C-alpha cells in the first residue's frame, strides 16, 4: 500500500491508535518506507490467534492483518491527516470513503474479506 500526503509521525500515530482496538497486535511488516513524498507500507499482526489477524476460508490463522485492522488503521490515519490518500491494489481511499469489501475465495466457494478476521 502507498499513503500520500502524510508524515512518518502521522503513520506511527495511526498505527498506535489502531492498535488500541486490536490488542496491540499490529506491526509494520515493511515500512513505512519513504518513496519521495509518499510512504509504502504493509501491515501485519504479530500473533495469529488474536484480534487484528486474518483467517483463511478453511479456518487457518495467519499473521496477515485483517480487513477490519486495515480499515481501522485507515480511519485513524484519516483522523491524523484528513488530506491523506491511501492506494491499495484494489482501491484508492480518501477520508469519508467506505471500506471496500471483496471476495477472497473462489467462484465456487466465495468468502468476503470482512468475514475472515479473528475477532
Protein backbone atom coordinates (compact mmCIF):
# COMPACT_ATOMS: atom_id res chain seq x y z
CA UNK A 1 0.00 0.00 0.00
CA UNK A 2 1.02 3.58 -0.50
CA UNK A 3 0.00 6.54 1.65
CA UNK A 4 0.24 10.07 0.24
CA UNK A 5 0.06 13.46 1.99
CA UNK A 6 1.13 12.07 5.39
CA UNK A 7 4.18 12.22 7.63
CA UNK A 8 6.02 9.39 9.33
CA UNK A 9 4.76 10.66 12.70
CA UNK A 10 1.15 10.51 11.47
CA UNK A 11 1.66 6.97 10.17
CA UNK A 12 3.07 5.79 13.51
CA UNK A 13 0.35 7.62 15.49
CA UNK A 14 -2.35 5.99 13.35
CA UNK A 15 -0.83 2.54 13.92
CA UNK A 16 -0.72 3.17 17.67
CA UNK A 17 -4.37 4.30 17.68
CA UNK A 18 -5.48 1.29 15.60
CA UNK A 19 -3.52 -0.97 17.95
CA UNK A 20 -5.70 0.16 20.86
CA UNK A 21 -8.64 -1.50 19.11
CA UNK A 22 -6.74 -4.64 18.10
CA UNK A 23 -4.96 -5.61 21.31
CA UNK A 24 -1.61 -4.06 20.32
CA UNK A 25 -1.14 -6.86 17.80
CA UNK A 26 -0.50 -4.75 14.67
CA UNK A 27 3.04 -4.07 13.45
CA UNK A 28 4.73 -2.90 10.28
CA UNK A 29 5.74 -5.86 8.11
CA UNK A 30 7.58 -3.47 5.87
CA UNK A 31 7.79 0.27 6.01
CA UNK A 32 6.71 2.85 6.25
CA UNK A 33 9.36 3.26 3.57
CA UNK A 34 9.61 6.77 2.09
CA UNK A 35 9.27 6.99 -1.66
CA UNK A 36 9.55 10.66 -2.50
CA UNK A 37 6.73 12.33 -0.56
CA UNK A 38 4.81 9.05 -0.11
CA UNK A 39 5.17 6.03 2.16
CA UNK A 40 4.98 2.40 1.10
CA UNK A 41 3.88 0.06 3.90
CA UNK A 42 2.47 -3.34 4.77
CA UNK A 43 0.56 -4.09 7.98
CA UNK A 44 0.61 -7.44 9.71
CA UNK A 45 -0.31 -8.86 13.07
CA UNK A 46 2.33 -10.01 15.50
CA UNK A 47 0.39 -13.09 16.62
CA UNK A 48 -2.02 -15.10 14.53
CA UNK A 49 -4.59 -16.08 17.15
CA UNK A 50 -5.72 -12.71 18.47
CA UNK A 51 -7.52 -9.58 17.25
CA UNK A 52 -6.15 -7.99 14.11
CA UNK A 53 -5.12 -11.25 12.45
CA UNK A 54 -6.87 -12.77 9.47
CA UNK A 55 -8.16 -16.28 8.96
CA UNK A 56 -8.27 -18.18 5.68
CA UNK A 57 -11.50 -19.55 4.26
CA UNK A 58 -10.50 -23.00 5.54
CA UNK A 59 -10.02 -21.65 9.08
CA UNK A 60 -6.23 -21.47 9.21
CA UNK A 61 -4.87 -18.48 11.10
CA UNK A 62 -2.47 -16.06 9.51
CA UNK A 63 -0.30 -13.16 10.65
CA UNK A 64 -1.65 -11.07 7.80
CA UNK A 65 -3.57 -8.05 9.11
CA UNK A 66 -7.31 -8.50 8.74
CA UNK A 67 -9.69 -6.43 6.64
CA UNK A 68 -11.00 -4.83 9.86
CA UNK A 69 -7.49 -3.97 11.08
CA UNK A 70 -6.66 -2.27 7.78
CA UNK A 71 -9.94 -0.34 7.86
CA UNK A 72 -9.35 0.88 11.41
CA UNK A 73 -5.81 1.90 10.51
CA UNK A 74 -7.18 3.86 7.52
CA UNK A 75 -9.71 5.63 9.78
CA UNK A 76 -7.01 6.53 12.30
CA UNK A 77 -4.72 7.82 9.55
CA UNK A 78 -7.50 10.00 8.14
CA UNK A 79 -8.10 11.37 11.65
CA UNK A 80 -4.40 12.30 11.82
CA UNK A 81 -4.15 13.55 8.22
CA UNK A 82 -7.52 14.49 6.64
CA UNK A 83 -5.93 15.04 3.20
CA UNK A 84 -4.32 11.59 3.13
CA UNK A 85 -4.81 9.26 0.19
CA UNK A 86 -4.22 5.51 0.52
CA UNK A 87 -3.70 3.42 -2.60
CA UNK A 88 -4.05 -0.35 -2.44
CA UNK A 89 -4.04 -2.94 -5.19
CA UNK A 90 -7.85 -2.92 -5.19
CA UNK A 91 -8.93 0.64 -4.38
CA UNK A 92 -7.94 4.22 -3.59
CA UNK A 93 -9.25 5.60 -0.30
CA UNK A 94 -9.82 9.17 0.83
CA UNK A 95 -11.39 10.47 4.02
CA UNK A 96 -15.08 9.56 4.11
CA UNK A 97 -14.81 6.67 1.65
CA UNK A 98 -16.36 3.37 2.68
CA UNK A 99 -14.07 0.36 3.09
CA UNK A 100 -14.40 -1.88 0.05
CA UNK A 101 -15.27 -5.48 0.88
CA UNK A 102 -14.21 -8.04 -1.71
CA UNK A 103 -14.23 -11.74 -2.46
CA UNK A 104 -11.06 -13.57 -1.37
CA UNK A 105 -12.43 -17.02 -2.05
CA UNK A 106 -13.14 -18.78 -5.31
CA UNK A 107 -16.14 -18.54 -7.60
CA UNK A 108 -17.40 -21.87 -6.28
CA UNK A 109 -16.83 -21.01 -2.62
CA UNK A 110 -16.88 -17.21 -2.22
CA UNK A 111 -15.66 -15.66 1.01
CA UNK A 112 -15.81 -11.96 1.82
CA UNK A 113 -12.68 -10.42 3.33
CA UNK A 114 -14.75 -8.95 6.17
CA UNK A 115 -15.77 -12.43 7.30
CA UNK A 116 -12.19 -13.67 7.72
CA UNK A 117 -10.99 -11.89 10.85
CA UNK A 118 -10.07 -13.01 14.34
CA UNK A 119 -12.49 -11.02 16.47
